[in-house]
Amino acid sequence: MLILGLDPGSVAVGYGLIKKEKGELKLIKSGLLKILSKDKSKRLLEIEKSLLRLLKNNKIDVIAIEKLFFMKNMKTALDVAQSRGVLTLVAAKHKISLLEFSPSEVKSSITGYGLADKKAVAKMVAKFLKIDTIKKSDDETDAIAIALAAINNSINIKV
């Protein structure tokens, strides 16, 4: 089973693709979706194209995405919501199961503590994947953690 974790943002969307097979977890790839434009509308199209490219090259069974959480900056929240909407629409169009997790749900699932800091999450992500350390951007690490949260909650996955 291939699970894609997505960490939506206004200018960067992290992704982490994890394979679960016979109880073993393997990080297949992670990165940032290609978003270069300064124009908001074009950025949304770039998010769509990048995700479509990722879907075309991988047989993804489940997409897990971070829920929008409260943000003090309304402009940023709206931009993130638009990004999230594009990602959700692409998943729906391709009939891929979609799971949504709040940041505290992801942290609880990965570290056992809903207010864990980024270092604690990165440490546990490395532990789950049986690697020494995770040397990725915060967006990538968060996306991998979101995919792991989906695996930890795999009772809800219908494949």
N, C-alpha and C. Protein backbone atom coordinates (compact mmCIF):
# COMPACT_ATOMS: atom_id res chain seq x y z
N MET A 1 0.85 -1.17 0.00
CA MET A 1 0.00 0.00 0.00
C MET A 1 0.90 1.24 0.00
N LEU A 2 0.54 2.22 -0.84
CA LEU A 2 1.27 3.49 -0.88
C LEU A 2 0.41 4.60 -0.29
N ILE A 3 0.99 5.29 0.67
CA ILE A 3 0.30 6.38 1.34
C ILE A 3 1.06 7.67 1.09
N LEU A 4 0.35 8.68 0.60
CA LEU A 4 0.94 9.98 0.33
C LEU A 4 0.49 10.96 1.40
N GLY A 5 1.44 11.52 2.13
CA GLY A 5 1.15 12.56 3.10
C GLY A 5 1.39 13.91 2.48
N LEU A 6 0.48 14.85 2.70
CA LEU A 6 0.59 16.20 2.14
C LEU A 6 0.50 17.24 3.24
N ASP A 7 1.44 18.17 3.24
CA ASP A 7 1.44 19.29 4.16
C ASP A 7 1.21 20.56 3.34
N PRO A 8 -0.07 20.99 3.22
CA PRO A 8 -0.37 22.13 2.36
C PRO A 8 0.15 23.45 2.94
N GLY A 9 0.62 24.29 2.05
CA GLY A 9 1.07 25.62 2.44
C GLY A 9 0.73 26.61 1.36
N SER A 10 0.97 27.87 1.62
CA SER A 10 0.65 28.90 0.64
C SER A 10 1.72 29.01 -0.45
N VAL A 11 2.96 28.73 -0.11
CA VAL A 11 4.03 28.81 -1.12
C VAL A 11 4.82 27.51 -1.22
N ALA A 12 4.59 26.57 -0.33
CA ALA A 12 5.25 25.27 -0.38
C ALA A 12 4.29 24.19 0.07
N VAL A 13 4.28 23.09 -0.65
CA VAL A 13 3.49 21.92 -0.27
C VAL A 13 4.46 20.76 -0.12
N GLY A 14 4.59 20.29 1.11
CA GLY A 14 5.46 19.14 1.35
C GLY A 14 4.72 17.86 1.04
N TYR A 15 5.48 16.85 0.58
CA TYR A 15 4.88 15.54 0.37
C TYR A 15 5.83 14.45 0.88
N GLY A 16 5.24 13.37 1.31
CA GLY A 16 6.00 12.20 1.73
C GLY A 16 5.25 10.96 1.32
N LEU A 17 5.91 10.09 0.57
CA LEU A 17 5.29 8.87 0.06
C LEU A 17 5.89 7.67 0.78
N ILE A 18 5.04 6.94 1.48
CA ILE A 18 5.48 5.81 2.27
C ILE A 18 4.80 4.54 1.78
N LYS A 19 5.59 3.48 1.71
CA LYS A 19 5.06 2.17 1.33
C LYS A 19 4.96 1.32 2.58
N LYS A 20 3.80 0.72 2.77
CA LYS A 20 3.61 -0.23 3.87
C LYS A 20 3.38 -1.59 3.24
N GLU A 21 4.27 -2.49 3.57
CA GLU A 21 4.18 -3.83 3.00
C GLU A 21 4.62 -4.85 4.03
N LYS A 22 3.75 -5.79 4.33
CA LYS A 22 4.04 -6.84 5.31
C LYS A 22 4.52 -6.25 6.64
N GLY A 23 3.88 -5.19 7.07
CA GLY A 23 4.21 -4.58 8.35
C GLY A 23 5.45 -3.70 8.34
N GLU A 24 6.15 -3.65 7.23
CA GLU A 24 7.35 -2.82 7.12
C GLU A 24 7.01 -1.48 6.47
N LEU A 25 7.66 -0.42 6.92
CA LEU A 25 7.47 0.91 6.36
C LEU A 25 8.72 1.34 5.63
N LYS A 26 8.52 1.94 4.46
CA LYS A 26 9.67 2.42 3.69
C LYS A 26 9.32 3.77 3.08
N LEU A 27 10.20 4.75 3.30
CA LEU A 27 10.03 6.05 2.66
C LEU A 27 10.45 5.91 1.20
N ILE A 28 9.50 6.10 0.30
CA ILE A 28 9.78 5.98 -1.14
C ILE A 28 10.39 7.27 -1.65
N LYS A 29 9.76 8.38 -1.32
CA LYS A 29 10.30 9.69 -1.70
C LYS A 29 9.58 10.77 -0.93
N SER A 30 10.23 11.92 -0.87
CA SER A 30 9.62 13.08 -0.25
C SER A 30 10.18 14.31 -0.93
N GLY A 31 9.52 15.41 -0.72
CA GLY A 31 9.99 16.65 -1.32
C GLY A 31 8.95 17.73 -1.22
N LEU A 32 9.10 18.71 -2.08
CA LEU A 32 8.15 19.82 -2.18
C LEU A 32 7.56 19.80 -3.57
N LEU A 33 6.25 19.98 -3.67
CA LEU A 33 5.64 20.10 -4.99
C LEU A 33 6.20 21.36 -5.64
N LYS A 34 6.41 21.28 -6.93
CA LYS A 34 7.02 22.38 -7.67
C LYS A 34 6.06 23.56 -7.80
N ILE A 35 6.39 24.65 -7.11
CA ILE A 35 5.60 25.88 -7.15
C ILE A 35 6.57 27.03 -7.33
N LEU A 36 6.54 27.65 -8.49
CA LEU A 36 7.51 28.71 -8.78
C LEU A 36 6.88 30.09 -8.93
N SER A 37 5.64 30.14 -9.34
CA SER A 37 4.99 31.41 -9.68
C SER A 37 4.73 32.27 -8.45
N LYS A 38 4.78 33.57 -8.64
CA LYS A 38 4.40 34.53 -7.60
C LYS A 38 2.90 34.80 -7.65
N ASP A 39 2.29 34.55 -8.81
CA ASP A 39 0.86 34.77 -9.02
C ASP A 39 0.06 33.65 -8.33
N LYS A 40 -0.89 34.02 -7.46
CA LYS A 40 -1.65 33.05 -6.68
C LYS A 40 -2.38 32.03 -7.55
N SER A 41 -3.04 32.50 -8.61
CA SER A 41 -3.80 31.59 -9.47
C SER A 41 -2.88 30.60 -10.16
N LYS A 42 -1.76 31.08 -10.63
CA LYS A 42 -0.80 30.19 -11.29
C LYS A 42 -0.20 29.19 -10.30
N ARG A 43 0.00 29.64 -9.06
CA ARG A 43 0.52 28.73 -8.02
C ARG A 43 -0.43 27.56 -7.82
N LEU A 44 -1.74 27.83 -7.80
CA LEU A 44 -2.72 26.76 -7.63
C LEU A 44 -2.66 25.77 -8.78
N LEU A 45 -2.48 26.28 -10.00
CA LEU A 45 -2.34 25.39 -11.15
C LEU A 45 -1.06 24.57 -11.06
N GLU A 46 0.01 25.18 -10.56
CA GLU A 46 1.28 24.46 -10.40
C GLU A 46 1.14 23.36 -9.34
N ILE A 47 0.40 23.64 -8.27
CA ILE A 47 0.16 22.62 -7.25
C ILE A 47 -0.58 21.43 -7.87
N GLU A 48 -1.60 21.74 -8.65
CA GLU A 48 -2.37 20.68 -9.31
C GLU A 48 -1.47 19.86 -10.24
N LYS A 49 -0.71 20.53 -11.10
CA LYS A 49 0.16 19.82 -12.05
C LYS A 49 1.19 18.95 -11.34
N SER A 50 1.79 19.49 -10.28
CA SER A 50 2.80 18.73 -9.54
C SER A 50 2.21 17.50 -8.88
N LEU A 51 1.02 17.65 -8.28
CA LEU A 51 0.37 16.49 -7.65
C LEU A 51 -0.04 15.48 -8.71
N LEU A 52 -0.56 15.94 -9.83
CA LEU A 52 -0.94 15.02 -10.91
C LEU A 52 0.27 14.22 -11.40
N ARG A 53 1.41 14.88 -11.51
CA ARG A 53 2.65 14.21 -11.92
C ARG A 53 3.03 13.12 -10.91
N LEU A 54 2.89 13.44 -9.65
CA LEU A 54 3.20 12.48 -8.58
C LEU A 54 2.24 11.29 -8.64
N LEU A 55 0.96 11.56 -8.89
CA LEU A 55 -0.04 10.49 -8.99
C LEU A 55 0.20 9.62 -10.22
N LYS A 56 0.61 10.26 -11.31
CA LYS A 56 0.86 9.52 -12.56
C LYS A 56 2.02 8.53 -12.40
N ASN A 57 3.02 8.92 -11.64
CA ASN A 57 4.22 8.10 -11.51
C ASN A 57 4.17 7.11 -10.35
N ASN A 58 3.10 7.13 -9.56
CA ASN A 58 2.98 6.25 -8.40
C ASN A 58 1.53 5.81 -8.24
N LYS A 59 1.31 4.55 -7.91
CA LYS A 59 -0.04 4.02 -7.68
C LYS A 59 -0.40 4.24 -6.21
N ILE A 60 -0.89 5.44 -5.92
CA ILE A 60 -1.17 5.85 -4.54
C ILE A 60 -2.54 5.33 -4.12
N ASP A 61 -2.57 4.69 -2.95
CA ASP A 61 -3.81 4.12 -2.43
C ASP A 61 -4.57 5.10 -1.53
N VAL A 62 -3.83 5.88 -0.76
CA VAL A 62 -4.43 6.78 0.22
C VAL A 62 -3.65 8.09 0.24
N ILE A 63 -4.39 9.18 0.35
CA ILE A 63 -3.76 10.48 0.56
C ILE A 63 -4.19 10.97 1.94
N ALA A 64 -3.21 11.38 2.72
CA ALA A 64 -3.47 11.96 4.04
C ALA A 64 -3.03 13.42 3.98
N ILE A 65 -3.86 14.29 4.48
CA ILE A 65 -3.59 15.73 4.39
C ILE A 65 -3.84 16.39 5.74
N GLU A 66 -3.06 17.41 6.00
CA GLU A 66 -3.24 18.13 7.26
C GLU A 66 -4.44 19.06 7.15
N LYS A 67 -5.27 19.04 8.20
CA LYS A 67 -6.40 19.96 8.27
C LYS A 67 -5.88 21.37 8.48
N LEU A 68 -6.67 22.31 8.05
CA LEU A 68 -6.34 23.71 8.29
C LEU A 68 -6.55 23.99 9.77
N PHE A 69 -5.57 24.59 10.39
CA PHE A 69 -5.69 24.93 11.79
C PHE A 69 -5.78 26.44 11.92
N PHE A 70 -6.14 26.90 13.08
CA PHE A 70 -6.30 28.33 13.31
C PHE A 70 -5.00 29.07 13.02
N MET A 71 -5.10 30.14 12.27
CA MET A 71 -3.94 30.97 11.97
C MET A 71 -4.28 32.41 12.32
N LYS A 72 -3.32 33.11 12.89
CA LYS A 72 -3.53 34.51 13.23
C LYS A 72 -3.63 35.37 11.99
N ASN A 73 -2.89 35.02 10.96
CA ASN A 73 -2.86 35.79 9.72
C ASN A 73 -3.93 35.25 8.77
N MET A 74 -5.02 35.99 8.61
CA MET A 74 -6.14 35.55 7.78
C MET A 74 -5.73 35.36 6.33
N LYS A 75 -4.87 36.22 5.80
CA LYS A 75 -4.43 36.12 4.42
C LYS A 75 -3.71 34.79 4.18
N THR A 76 -2.83 34.44 5.10
CA THR A 76 -2.12 33.16 4.99
C THR A 76 -3.08 32.00 5.08
N ALA A 77 -4.03 32.08 6.00
CA ALA A 77 -5.01 31.01 6.17
C ALA A 77 -5.82 30.79 4.89
N LEU A 78 -6.20 31.87 4.24
CA LEU A 78 -6.97 31.75 3.00
C LEU A 78 -6.12 31.12 1.90
N ASP A 79 -4.87 31.52 1.79
CA ASP A 79 -3.98 30.94 0.78
C ASP A 79 -3.76 29.45 1.02
N VAL A 80 -3.57 29.07 2.27
CA VAL A 80 -3.38 27.65 2.61
C VAL A 80 -4.67 26.88 2.31
N ALA A 81 -5.82 27.46 2.62
CA ALA A 81 -7.10 26.82 2.34
C ALA A 81 -7.29 26.58 0.85
N GLN A 82 -6.86 27.54 0.02
CA GLN A 82 -6.96 27.35 -1.42
C GLN A 82 -6.06 26.22 -1.89
N SER A 83 -4.87 26.18 -1.39
CA SER A 83 -3.93 25.10 -1.72
C SER A 83 -4.51 23.75 -1.32
N ARG A 84 -5.04 23.70 -0.12
CA ARG A 84 -5.66 22.48 0.40
C ARG A 84 -6.85 22.05 -0.46
N GLY A 85 -7.62 23.04 -0.92
CA GLY A 85 -8.76 22.74 -1.77
C GLY A 85 -8.35 22.09 -3.07
N VAL A 86 -7.28 22.58 -3.68
CA VAL A 86 -6.78 21.99 -4.93
C VAL A 86 -6.34 20.55 -4.68
N LEU A 87 -5.59 20.33 -3.62
CA LEU A 87 -5.10 18.98 -3.29
C LEU A 87 -6.25 18.01 -3.04
N THR A 88 -7.27 18.48 -2.32
CA THR A 88 -8.44 17.66 -2.01
C THR A 88 -9.22 17.34 -3.28
N LEU A 89 -9.38 18.33 -4.15
CA LEU A 89 -10.11 18.13 -5.40
C LEU A 89 -9.41 17.09 -6.28
N VAL A 90 -8.10 17.16 -6.39
CA VAL A 90 -7.35 16.19 -7.20
C VAL A 90 -7.55 14.78 -6.64
N ALA A 91 -7.49 14.63 -5.32
CA ALA A 91 -7.71 13.31 -4.71
C ALA A 91 -9.11 12.80 -5.04
N ALA A 92 -10.11 13.67 -4.92
CA ALA A 92 -11.49 13.27 -5.19
C ALA A 92 -11.68 12.88 -6.65
N LYS A 93 -11.11 13.67 -7.56
CA LYS A 93 -11.24 13.36 -9.00
C LYS A 93 -10.62 12.01 -9.35
N HIS A 94 -9.58 11.63 -8.63
CA HIS A 94 -8.90 10.37 -8.91
C HIS A 94 -9.39 9.23 -8.02
N LYS A 95 -10.46 9.52 -7.25
CA LYS A 95 -11.10 8.51 -6.40
C LYS A 95 -10.10 7.83 -5.46
N ILE A 96 -9.23 8.66 -4.88
CA ILE A 96 -8.24 8.17 -3.91
C ILE A 96 -8.77 8.50 -2.52
N SER A 97 -8.77 7.50 -1.64
CA SER A 97 -9.23 7.72 -0.27
C SER A 97 -8.44 8.87 0.35
N LEU A 98 -9.16 9.74 1.05
CA LEU A 98 -8.54 10.92 1.65
C LEU A 98 -8.80 10.91 3.16
N LEU A 99 -7.71 11.01 3.92
CA LEU A 99 -7.80 11.11 5.37
C LEU A 99 -7.28 12.48 5.77
N GLU A 100 -7.90 13.08 6.78
CA GLU A 100 -7.50 14.41 7.22
C GLU A 100 -7.16 14.37 8.71
N PHE A 101 -6.07 15.04 9.06
CA PHE A 101 -5.60 15.07 10.44
C PHE A 101 -5.23 16.49 10.84
N SER A 102 -5.59 16.86 12.05
CA SER A 102 -5.16 18.15 12.58
C SER A 102 -3.69 18.01 12.98
N PRO A 103 -2.98 19.13 13.10
CA PRO A 103 -1.58 19.05 13.55
C PRO A 103 -1.43 18.31 14.88
N SER A 104 -2.34 18.54 15.83
CA SER A 104 -2.23 17.85 17.12
C SER A 104 -2.52 16.36 16.99
N GLU A 105 -3.40 15.97 16.08
CA GLU A 105 -3.65 14.54 15.85
C GLU A 105 -2.42 13.86 15.28
N VAL A 106 -1.73 14.54 14.36
CA VAL A 106 -0.50 13.99 13.78
C VAL A 106 0.55 13.83 14.87
N LYS A 107 0.75 14.88 15.66
CA LYS A 107 1.76 14.85 16.73
C LYS A 107 1.44 13.76 17.75
N SER A 108 0.18 13.64 18.12
CA SER A 108 -0.23 12.59 19.07
C SER A 108 0.04 11.21 18.51
N SER A 109 -0.28 11.03 17.24
CA SER A 109 -0.10 9.74 16.60
C SER A 109 1.38 9.36 16.49
N ILE A 110 2.23 10.34 16.25
CA ILE A 110 3.65 10.07 16.02
C ILE A 110 4.44 10.06 17.33
N THR A 111 4.17 11.02 18.22
CA THR A 111 4.98 11.15 19.43
C THR A 111 4.25 10.76 20.71
N GLY A 112 2.92 10.67 20.63
CA GLY A 112 2.13 10.41 21.83
C GLY A 112 1.77 11.68 22.59
N TYR A 113 2.19 12.83 22.04
CA TYR A 113 1.93 14.11 22.70
C TYR A 113 1.52 15.14 21.66
N GLY A 114 0.30 15.65 21.77
CA GLY A 114 -0.27 16.54 20.77
C GLY A 114 0.37 17.91 20.65
N LEU A 115 1.23 18.27 21.61
CA LEU A 115 1.91 19.57 21.56
C LEU A 115 3.42 19.40 21.32
N ALA A 116 3.82 18.26 20.81
CA ALA A 116 5.25 17.99 20.56
C ALA A 116 5.82 19.02 19.60
N ASP A 117 7.11 19.31 19.75
CA ASP A 117 7.76 20.26 18.84
C ASP A 117 8.26 19.52 17.59
N LYS A 118 8.74 20.29 16.64
CA LYS A 118 9.17 19.73 15.35
C LYS A 118 10.34 18.76 15.52
N LYS A 119 11.24 19.02 16.47
CA LYS A 119 12.37 18.12 16.70
C LYS A 119 11.90 16.74 17.16
N ALA A 120 10.91 16.73 18.06
CA ALA A 120 10.37 15.47 18.57
C ALA A 120 9.68 14.69 17.46
N VAL A 121 8.95 15.40 16.61
CA VAL A 121 8.27 14.75 15.48
C VAL A 121 9.31 14.15 14.53
N ALA A 122 10.35 14.93 14.19
CA ALA A 122 11.40 14.45 13.27
C ALA A 122 12.10 13.22 13.86
N LYS A 123 12.35 13.24 15.15
CA LYS A 123 13.02 12.11 15.81
C LYS A 123 12.17 10.84 15.70
N MET A 124 10.87 10.97 15.93
CA MET A 124 9.99 9.81 15.88
C MET A 124 9.75 9.35 14.44
N VAL A 125 9.72 10.28 13.50
CA VAL A 125 9.60 9.90 12.09
C VAL A 125 10.79 9.02 11.71
N ALA A 126 11.99 9.43 12.11
CA ALA A 126 13.20 8.64 11.83
C ALA A 126 13.10 7.26 12.48
N LYS A 127 12.58 7.23 13.70
CA LYS A 127 12.45 5.96 14.42
C LYS A 127 11.47 5.02 13.70
N PHE A 128 10.32 5.55 13.30
CA PHE A 128 9.34 4.74 12.57
C PHE A 128 9.93 4.18 11.28
N LEU A 129 10.74 5.00 10.59
CA LEU A 129 11.29 4.58 9.30
C LEU A 129 12.62 3.84 9.45
N LYS A 130 13.09 3.66 10.69
CA LYS A 130 14.32 2.94 11.00
C LYS A 130 15.53 3.54 10.29
N ILE A 131 15.62 4.87 10.40
CA ILE A 131 16.79 5.58 9.88
C ILE A 131 17.38 6.40 11.02
N ASP A 132 18.65 6.74 10.91
CA ASP A 132 19.32 7.46 11.99
C ASP A 132 18.69 8.81 12.28
N THR A 133 18.62 9.65 11.27
CA THR A 133 18.02 10.98 11.43
C THR A 133 17.26 11.31 10.16
N ILE A 134 16.36 12.24 10.30
CA ILE A 134 15.63 12.73 9.13
C ILE A 134 16.16 14.12 8.82
N LYS A 135 16.75 14.25 7.66
CA LYS A 135 17.34 15.54 7.25
C LYS A 135 16.54 16.08 6.08
N LYS A 136 15.36 16.52 6.38
CA LYS A 136 14.44 17.06 5.39
C LYS A 136 13.95 18.41 5.86
N SER A 137 13.33 19.15 4.95
CA SER A 137 12.73 20.42 5.35
C SER A 137 11.56 20.13 6.30
N ASP A 138 11.14 21.14 7.05
CA ASP A 138 9.99 20.96 7.95
C ASP A 138 8.75 20.53 7.17
N ASP A 139 8.55 21.09 5.98
CA ASP A 139 7.38 20.73 5.17
C ASP A 139 7.40 19.26 4.78
N GLU A 140 8.58 18.76 4.39
CA GLU A 140 8.71 17.34 4.04
C GLU A 140 8.50 16.46 5.26
N THR A 141 9.17 16.80 6.35
CA THR A 141 9.06 16.00 7.58
C THR A 141 7.61 15.95 8.05
N ASP A 142 6.93 17.08 8.00
CA ASP A 142 5.52 17.11 8.40
C ASP A 142 4.67 16.23 7.49
N ALA A 143 4.94 16.27 6.19
CA ALA A 143 4.18 15.44 5.25
C ALA A 143 4.41 13.95 5.52
N ILE A 144 5.65 13.58 5.81
CA ILE A 144 5.96 12.18 6.15
C ILE A 144 5.23 11.79 7.43
N ALA A 145 5.23 12.69 8.41
CA ALA A 145 4.52 12.43 9.67
C ALA A 145 3.02 12.25 9.43
N ILE A 146 2.47 13.03 8.52
CA ILE A 146 1.04 12.92 8.19
C ILE A 146 0.75 11.56 7.57
N ALA A 147 1.63 11.10 6.68
CA ALA A 147 1.47 9.76 6.08
C ALA A 147 1.56 8.69 7.16
N LEU A 148 2.50 8.84 8.09
CA LEU A 148 2.63 7.88 9.19
C LEU A 148 1.40 7.89 10.09
N ALA A 149 0.83 9.06 10.31
CA ALA A 149 -0.40 9.15 11.11
C ALA A 149 -1.52 8.36 10.43
N ALA A 150 -1.58 8.43 9.11
CA ALA A 150 -2.59 7.66 8.37
C ALA A 150 -2.36 6.17 8.56
N ILE A 151 -1.10 5.76 8.53
CA ILE A 151 -0.79 4.34 8.74
C ILE A 151 -1.16 3.93 10.16
N ASN A 152 -0.84 4.77 11.14
CA ASN A 152 -1.16 4.47 12.53
C ASN A 152 -2.67 4.39 12.76
N ASN A 153 -3.42 5.06 11.90
CA ASN A 153 -4.89 5.05 11.98
C ASN A 153 -5.47 4.22 10.84
N SER A 154 -4.76 3.19 10.45
CA SER A 154 -5.12 2.44 9.23
C SER A 154 -6.44 1.70 9.33
N ILE A 155 -7.04 1.68 10.49
CA ILE A 155 -8.37 1.08 10.61
C ILE A 155 -9.34 1.84 9.70
N ASN A 156 -9.08 3.15 9.51
CA ASN A 156 -9.97 3.98 8.69
C ASN A 156 -9.68 3.90 7.20
N ILE A 157 -8.60 3.21 6.82
CA ILE A 157 -8.23 3.15 5.41
C ILE A 157 -9.00 2.02 4.73
N LYS A 158 -9.69 2.39 3.66
CA LYS A 158 -10.44 1.41 2.87
C LYS A 158 -9.76 1.29 1.52
N VAL A 159 -9.07 0.18 1.31
CA VAL A 159 -8.35 -0.03 0.04
C VAL A 159 -8.90 -1.25 -0.63
